[in-house]
PDB file of N, CA and C in Angstrom:
ATOM      1  N   MET A   1       0.843  -1.173   0.000  1.00  0.00           N
ATOM      2  CA  MET A   1       0.000   0.000   0.000  1.00  0.00           C
ATOM      3  C   MET A   1       0.889   1.236   0.000  1.00  0.00           C
ATOM      4  N   LYS A   2       0.509   2.227  -0.773  1.00  0.00           N
ATOM      5  CA  LYS A   2       1.290   3.458  -0.835  1.00  0.00           C
ATOM      6  C   LYS A   2       1.107   4.273   0.438  1.00  0.00           C
ATOM      7  N   GLU A   3       1.981   5.282   0.622  1.00  0.00           N
ATOM      8  CA  GLU A   3       1.904   6.148   1.810  1.00  0.00           C
ATOM      9  C   GLU A   3       0.556   6.835   1.919  1.00  0.00           C
ATOM     10  N   THR A   4       0.040   7.355   0.813  1.00  0.00           N
ATOM     11  CA  THR A   4      -1.255   8.038   0.867  1.00  0.00           C
ATOM     12  C   THR A   4      -2.369   7.047   1.183  1.00  0.00           C
ATOM     13  N   GLY A   5      -2.240   5.830   0.694  1.00  0.00           N
ATOM     14  CA  GLY A   5      -3.226   4.803   0.991  1.00  0.00           C
ATOM     15  C   GLY A   5      -3.210   4.411   2.457  1.00  0.00           C
ATOM     16  N   LYS A   6      -2.002   4.352   3.041  1.00  0.00           N
ATOM     17  CA  LYS A   6      -1.884   4.015   4.453  1.00  0.00           C
ATOM     18  C   LYS A   6      -2.498   5.088   5.334  1.00  0.00           C
ATOM     19  N   SER A   7      -2.215   6.359   5.026  1.00  0.00           N
ATOM     20  CA  SER A   7      -2.759   7.434   5.853  1.00  0.00           C
ATOM     21  C   SER A   7      -4.272   7.514   5.714  1.00  0.00           C
ATOM     22  N   LEU A   8      -4.799   7.263   4.511  1.00  0.00           N
ATOM     23  CA  LEU A   8      -6.240   7.258   4.310  1.00  0.00           C
ATOM     24  C   LEU A   8      -6.868   6.092   5.068  1.00  0.00           C
ATOM     25  N   HIS A   9      -6.218   4.934   5.017  1.00  0.00           N
ATOM     26  CA  HIS A   9      -6.708   3.764   5.733  1.00  0.00           C
ATOM     27  C   HIS A   9      -6.732   4.018   7.242  1.00  0.00           C
ATOM     28  N   ASP A  10      -5.671   4.612   7.777  1.00  0.00           N
ATOM     29  CA  ASP A  10      -5.596   4.907   9.208  1.00  0.00           C
ATOM     30  C   ASP A  10      -6.632   5.941   9.628  1.00  0.00           C
ATOM     31  N   SER A  11      -6.890   6.930   8.774  1.00  0.00           N
ATOM     32  CA  SER A  11      -7.860   7.954   9.144  1.00  0.00           C
ATOM     33  C   SER A  11      -9.282   7.407   9.115  1.00  0.00           C
ATOM     34  N   LEU A  12      -9.552   6.450   8.251  1.00  0.00           N
ATOM     35  CA  LEU A  12     -10.895   5.878   8.173  1.00  0.00           C
ATOM     36  C   LEU A  12     -11.133   4.799   9.220  1.00  0.00           C
ATOM     37  N   LEU A  13     -10.167   3.914   9.407  1.00  0.00           N
ATOM     38  CA  LEU A  13     -10.352   2.773  10.292  1.00  0.00           C
ATOM     39  C   LEU A  13      -9.636   2.911  11.622  1.00  0.00           C
ATOM     40  N   GLY A  14      -8.846   3.934  11.798  1.00  0.00           N
ATOM     41  CA  GLY A  14      -8.096   4.113  13.032  1.00  0.00           C
ATOM     42  C   GLY A  14      -6.777   3.369  12.973  1.00  0.00           C
ATOM     43  N   THR A  15      -5.907   3.706  13.879  1.00  0.00           N
ATOM     44  CA  THR A  15      -4.605   3.053  13.934  1.00  0.00           C
ATOM     45  C   THR A  15      -4.707   1.781  14.761  1.00  0.00           C
ATOM     46  N   SER A  16      -3.647   1.022  14.801  1.00  0.00           N
ATOM     47  CA  SER A  16      -3.640  -0.226  15.551  1.00  0.00           C
ATOM     48  C   SER A  16      -3.626   0.052  17.051  1.00  0.00           C
ATOM     49  N   LYS A  17      -3.726  -1.023  17.841  1.00  0.00           N
ATOM     50  CA  LYS A  17      -3.739  -0.881  19.286  1.00  0.00           C
ATOM     51  C   LYS A  17      -2.363  -0.598  19.854  1.00  0.00           C
ATOM     52  N   SER A  18      -1.335  -0.651  19.041  1.00  0.00           N
ATOM     53  CA  SER A  18       0.021  -0.406  19.521  1.00  0.00           C
ATOM     54  C   SER A  18       0.177   1.048  19.924  1.00  0.00           C
ATOM     55  N   GLN A  19       0.856   1.262  21.013  1.00  0.00           N
ATOM     56  CA  GLN A  19       1.073   2.603  21.526  1.00  0.00           C
ATOM     57  C   GLN A  19       2.548   2.771  21.818  1.00  0.00           C
ATOM     58  N   ARG A  20       2.952   4.028  21.930  1.00  0.00           N
ATOM     59  CA  ARG A  20       4.334   4.294  22.289  1.00  0.00           C
ATOM     60  C   ARG A  20       4.536   4.035  23.759  1.00  0.00           C
ATOM     61  N   GLY A  21       5.764   3.806  24.122  1.00  0.00           N
ATOM     62  CA  GLY A  21       6.106   3.538  25.510  1.00  0.00           C
ATOM     63  C   GLY A  21       6.899   2.250  25.603  1.00  0.00           C
ATOM     64  N   LYS A  22       7.640   2.111  26.678  1.00  0.00           N
ATOM     65  CA  LYS A  22       8.452   0.917  26.877  1.00  0.00           C
ATOM     66  C   LYS A  22       8.014   0.210  28.147  1.00  0.00           C
ATOM     67  N   CYS A  23       8.141  -1.109  28.120  1.00  0.00           N
ATOM     68  CA  CYS A  23       7.829  -1.919  29.288  1.00  0.00           C
ATOM     69  C   CYS A  23       8.910  -1.695  30.346  1.00  0.00           C
ATOM     70  N   GLN A  24       8.501  -1.625  31.601  1.00  0.00           N
ATOM     71  CA  GLN A  24       9.451  -1.413  32.689  1.00  0.00           C
ATOM     72  C   GLN A  24      10.280  -2.667  32.966  1.00  0.00           C
ATOM     73  N   ALA A  25       9.752  -3.843  32.648  1.00  0.00           N
ATOM     74  CA  ALA A  25      10.454  -5.088  32.955  1.00  0.00           C
ATOM     75  C   ALA A  25      11.414  -5.508  31.844  1.00  0.00           C
ATOM     76  N   CYS A  26      10.917  -5.583  30.602  1.00  0.00           N
ATOM     77  CA  CYS A  26      11.751  -6.133  29.532  1.00  0.00           C
ATOM     78  C   CYS A  26      12.191  -5.091  28.506  1.00  0.00           C
ATOM     79  N   GLY A  27      11.661  -3.886  28.555  1.00  0.00           N
ATOM     80  CA  GLY A  27      12.075  -2.834  27.644  1.00  0.00           C
ATOM     81  C   GLY A  27      11.463  -2.930  26.260  1.00  0.00           C
ATOM     82  N   THR A  28      10.448  -3.782  26.078  1.00  0.00           N
ATOM     83  CA  THR A  28       9.802  -3.952  24.786  1.00  0.00           C
ATOM     84  C   THR A  28       8.977  -2.723  24.432  1.00  0.00           C
ATOM     85  N   SER A  29       9.066  -2.337  23.207  1.00  0.00           N
ATOM     86  CA  SER A  29       8.268  -1.227  22.707  1.00  0.00           C
ATOM     87  C   SER A  29       7.740  -1.633  21.350  1.00  0.00           C
ATOM     88  N   PRO A  30       6.557  -1.428  20.952  1.00  0.00           N
ATOM     89  CA  PRO A  30       5.440  -0.754  21.600  1.00  0.00           C
ATOM     90  C   PRO A  30       4.590  -1.717  22.436  1.00  0.00           C
ATOM     91  N   MET A  31       3.769  -1.138  23.300  1.00  0.00           N
ATOM     92  CA  MET A  31       2.855  -1.909  24.122  1.00  0.00           C
ATOM     93  C   MET A  31       1.454  -1.795  23.527  1.00  0.00           C
ATOM     94  N   GLU A  32       0.552  -2.690  23.967  1.00  0.00           N
ATOM     95  CA  GLU A  32      -0.817  -2.694  23.467  1.00  0.00           C
ATOM     96  C   GLU A  32      -1.746  -2.034  24.479  1.00  0.00           C
ATOM     97  N   LEU A  33      -2.742  -1.333  23.966  1.00  0.00           N
ATOM     98  CA  LEU A  33      -3.752  -0.733  24.820  1.00  0.00           C
ATOM     99  C   LEU A  33      -4.651  -1.829  25.343  1.00  0.00           C
ATOM    100  N   TYR A  34      -4.760  -1.947  26.659  1.00  0.00           N
ATOM    101  CA  TYR A  34      -5.531  -3.007  27.307  1.00  0.00           C
ATOM    102  C   TYR A  34      -6.879  -2.482  27.785  1.00  0.00           C
ATOM    103  N   GLU A  35      -6.879  -1.287  28.369  1.00  0.00           N
ATOM    104  CA  GLU A  35      -8.111  -0.696  28.891  1.00  0.00           C
ATOM    105  C   GLU A  35      -7.974   0.817  28.900  1.00  0.00           C
ATOM    106  N   LEU A  36      -9.069   1.519  28.596  1.00  0.00           N
ATOM    107  CA  LEU A  36      -9.089   2.973  28.589  1.00  0.00           C
ATOM    108  C   LEU A  36     -10.320   3.431  29.355  1.00  0.00           C
ATOM    109  N   ASP A  37     -10.137   4.272  30.364  1.00  0.00           N
ATOM    110  CA  ASP A  37     -11.238   4.757  31.188  1.00  0.00           C
ATOM    111  C   ASP A  37     -11.280   6.277  31.094  1.00  0.00           C
ATOM    112  N   PHE A  38     -12.320   6.792  30.438  1.00  0.00           N
ATOM    113  CA  PHE A  38     -12.442   8.231  30.244  1.00  0.00           C
ATOM    114  C   PHE A  38     -12.890   8.950  31.510  1.00  0.00           C
ATOM    115  N   ARG A  39     -13.680   8.303  32.335  1.00  0.00           N
ATOM    116  CA  ARG A  39     -14.167   8.954  33.567  1.00  0.00           C
ATOM    117  C   ARG A  39     -13.037   9.245  34.545  1.00  0.00           C
ATOM    118  N   ARG A  40     -12.140   8.284  34.705  1.00  0.00           N
ATOM    119  CA  ARG A  40     -11.029   8.464  35.644  1.00  0.00           C
ATOM    120  C   ARG A  40      -9.766   8.969  34.974  1.00  0.00           C
ATOM    121  N   SER A  41      -9.816   9.214  33.666  1.00  0.00           N
ATOM    122  CA  SER A  41      -8.649   9.662  32.887  1.00  0.00           C
ATOM    123  C   SER A  41      -7.454   8.742  33.109  1.00  0.00           C
ATOM    124  N   SER A  42      -7.694   7.447  32.907  1.00  0.00           N
ATOM    125  CA  SER A  42      -6.617   6.483  33.078  1.00  0.00           C
ATOM    126  C   SER A  42      -6.636   5.482  31.933  1.00  0.00           C
ATOM    127  N   LYS A  43      -5.488   4.852  31.723  1.00  0.00           N
ATOM    128  CA  LYS A  43      -5.386   3.792  30.727  1.00  0.00           C
ATOM    129  C   LYS A  43      -4.444   2.719  31.244  1.00  0.00           C
ATOM    130  N   VAL A  44      -4.666   1.507  30.758  1.00  0.00           N
ATOM    131  CA  VAL A  44      -3.826   0.375  31.127  1.00  0.00           C
ATOM    132  C   VAL A  44      -3.220  -0.169  29.845  1.00  0.00           C
ATOM    133  N   MET A  45      -1.905  -0.285  29.836  1.00  0.00           N
ATOM    134  CA  MET A  45      -1.173  -0.804  28.683  1.00  0.00           C
ATOM    135  C   MET A  45      -0.605  -2.173  29.062  1.00  0.00           C
ATOM    136  N   LYS A  46      -0.567  -3.094  28.072  1.00  0.00           N
ATOM    137  CA  LYS A  46      -0.059  -4.438  28.323  1.00  0.00           C
ATOM    138  C   LYS A  46       1.114  -4.723  27.402  1.00  0.00           C
ATOM    139  N   CYS A  47       2.165  -5.276  27.963  1.00  0.00           N
ATOM    140  CA  CYS A  47       3.335  -5.665  27.184  1.00  0.00           C
ATOM    141  C   CYS A  47       3.034  -7.002  26.508  1.00  0.00           C
ATOM    142  N   PRO A  48       3.165  -7.072  25.180  1.00  0.00           N
ATOM    143  CA  PRO A  48       2.879  -8.335  24.505  1.00  0.00           C
ATOM    144  C   PRO A  48       3.932  -9.420  24.757  1.00  0.00           C
ATOM    145  N   ARG A  49       5.100  -9.026  25.205  1.00  0.00           N
ATOM    146  CA  ARG A  49       6.187  -9.989  25.411  1.00  0.00           C
ATOM    147  C   ARG A  49       6.118 -10.665  26.777  1.00  0.00           C
ATOM    148  N   CYS A  50       6.003  -9.869  27.853  1.00  0.00           N
ATOM    149  CA  CYS A  50       6.032 -10.449  29.199  1.00  0.00           C
ATOM    150  C   CYS A  50       4.674 -10.408  29.903  1.00  0.00           C
ATOM    151  N   GLY A  51       3.701  -9.685  29.352  1.00  0.00           N
ATOM    152  CA  GLY A  51       2.363  -9.645  29.933  1.00  0.00           C
ATOM    153  C   GLY A  51       2.209  -8.691  31.105  1.00  0.00           C
ATOM    154  N   MET A  52       3.164  -7.832  31.327  1.00  0.00           N
ATOM    155  CA  MET A  52       3.098  -6.887  32.431  1.00  0.00           C
ATOM    156  C   MET A  52       2.118  -5.755  32.112  1.00  0.00           C
ATOM    157  N   LEU A  53       1.328  -5.346  33.095  1.00  0.00           N
ATOM    158  CA  LEU A  53       0.370  -4.259  32.933  1.00  0.00           C
ATOM    159  C   LEU A  53       0.949  -2.970  33.488  1.00  0.00           C
ATOM    160  N   HIS A  54       0.761  -1.876  32.761  1.00  0.00           N
ATOM    161  CA  HIS A  54       1.235  -0.554  33.169  1.00  0.00           C
ATOM    162  C   HIS A  54       0.029   0.361  33.272  1.00  0.00           C
ATOM    163  N   VAL A  55      -0.175   0.971  34.427  1.00  0.00           N
ATOM    164  CA  VAL A  55      -1.315   1.842  34.668  1.00  0.00           C
ATOM    165  C   VAL A  55      -0.848   3.291  34.559  1.00  0.00           C
ATOM    166  N   TYR A  56      -1.481   4.037  33.649  1.00  0.00           N
ATOM    167  CA  TYR A  56      -1.163   5.443  33.428  1.00  0.00           C
ATOM    168  C   TYR A  56      -2.351   6.302  33.821  1.00  0.00           C
ATOM    169  N   LYS A  57      -2.089   7.517  34.271  1.00  0.00           N
ATOM    170  CA  LYS A  57      -3.125   8.481  34.612  1.00  0.00           C
ATOM    171  C   LYS A  57      -2.694   9.839  34.093  1.00  0.00           C
ATOM    172  N   LYS A  58      -3.664  10.641  33.667  1.00  0.00           N
ATOM    173  CA  LYS A  58      -3.349  11.985  33.185  1.00  0.00           C
ATOM    174  C   LYS A  58      -3.104  12.907  34.364  1.00  0.00           C
ATOM    175  N   ASP A  59      -2.062  13.740  34.234  1.00  0.00           N
ATOM    176  CA  ASP A  59      -1.783  14.710  35.292  1.00  0.00           C
ATOM    177  C   ASP A  59      -2.520  16.012  34.993  1.00  0.00           C
ATOM    178  N   ILE A  60      -2.272  17.037  35.761  1.00  0.00           N
ATOM    179  CA  ILE A  60      -2.983  18.308  35.642  1.00  0.00           C
ATOM    180  C   ILE A  60      -2.672  19.014  34.320  1.00  0.00           C
ATOM    181  N   ILE A  61      -1.521  18.742  33.739  1.00  0.00           N
ATOM    182  CA  ILE A  61      -1.138  19.348  32.465  1.00  0.00           C
ATOM    183  C   ILE A  61      -1.778  18.605  31.291  1.00  0.00           C
ATOM    184  N   GLY A  62      -2.114  17.334  31.476  1.00  0.00           N
ATOM    185  CA  GLY A  62      -2.729  16.541  30.423  1.00  0.00           C
ATOM    186  C   GLY A  62      -1.809  15.497  29.830  1.00  0.00           C
ATOM    187  N   LYS A  63      -0.655  15.278  30.468  1.00  0.00           N
ATOM    188  CA  LYS A  63       0.279  14.251  29.999  1.00  0.00           C
ATOM    189  C   LYS A  63       0.015  12.948  30.743  1.00  0.00           C
ATOM    190  N   TRP A  64       0.292  11.818  30.060  1.00  0.00           N
ATOM    191  CA  TRP A  64       0.132  10.513  30.686  1.00  0.00           C
ATOM    192  C   TRP A  64       1.335  10.226  31.581  1.00  0.00           C
ATOM    193  N   ARG A  65       1.075   9.892  32.842  1.00  0.00           N
ATOM    194  CA  ARG A  65       2.129   9.566  33.810  1.00  0.00           C
ATOM    195  C   ARG A  65       1.923   8.147  34.316  1.00  0.00           C
ATOM    196  N   LEU A  66       3.009   7.399  34.439  1.00  0.00           N
ATOM    197  CA  LEU A  66       2.957   6.023  34.916  1.00  0.00           C
ATOM    198  C   LEU A  66       2.709   6.003  36.421  1.00  0.00           C
ATOM    199  N   LEU A  67       1.634   5.321  36.842  1.00  0.00           N
ATOM    200  CA  LEU A  67       1.347   5.173  38.268  1.00  0.00           C
ATOM    201  C   LEU A  67       2.003   3.916  38.832  1.00  0.00           C
ATOM    202  N   LYS A  68       1.765   2.782  38.151  1.00  0.00           N
ATOM    203  CA  LYS A  68       2.348   1.536  38.628  1.00  0.00           C
ATOM    204  C   LYS A  68       2.447   0.544  37.487  1.00  0.00           C
ATOM    205  N   ALA A  69       3.343  -0.401  37.650  1.00  0.00           N
ATOM    206  CA  ALA A  69       3.511  -1.503  36.717  1.00  0.00           C
ATOM    207  C   ALA A  69       3.417  -2.781  37.529  1.00  0.00           C
ATOM    208  N   GLN A  70       2.572  -3.703  37.066  1.00  0.00           N
ATOM    209  CA  GLN A  70       2.369  -4.931  37.833  1.00  0.00           C
ATOM    210  C   GLN A  70       2.234  -6.116  36.906  1.00  0.00           C
ATOM    211  N   LYS A  71       2.618  -7.264  37.408  1.00  0.00           N
ATOM    212  CA  LYS A  71       2.503  -8.501  36.648  1.00  0.00           C
ATOM    213  C   LYS A  71       1.053  -8.981  36.733  1.00  0.00           C
ATOM    214  N   THR A  72       0.531  -9.518  35.617  1.00  0.00           N
ATOM    215  CA  THR A  72      -0.833 -10.031  35.615  1.00  0.00           C
ATOM    216  C   THR A  72      -0.916 -11.269  36.484  1.00  0.00           C
ATOM    217  N   ASP A  73      -2.039 -11.420  37.169  1.00  0.00           N
ATOM    218  CA  ASP A  73      -2.246 -12.536  38.093  1.00  0.00           C
ATOM    219  C   ASP A  73      -3.524 -13.263  37.712  1.00  0.00           C
ATOM    220  N   PHE A  74      -3.446 -14.174  36.739  1.00  0.00           N
ATOM    221  CA  PHE A  74      -4.615 -14.913  36.287  1.00  0.00           C
ATOM    222  C   PHE A  74      -4.548 -16.341  36.827  1.00  0.00           C
ATOM    223  N   SER A  75      -4.777 -16.520  38.121  1.00  0.00           N
ATOM    224  CA  SER A  75      -4.713 -17.848  38.736  1.00  0.00           C
ATOM    225  C   SER A  75      -6.065 -18.507  38.776  1.00  0.00           C
TER     226      SER A  75
END
């Protein structure tokens, strides 16, 4: 697909779930969007390599800040 075709495709269908940022455990980039909460202005990103969850919250300026990183516990 040409560059103009890619940008048109992204504008119509949206971009992929991949987001910028690095995992705190393994350093993998990009991470996948796992959950987005508009009411609390928070998002959870998941590392596709190690499965670690990263919780981000918007600060007063409007930038995403990392609150905590935790390993998933699906027992």
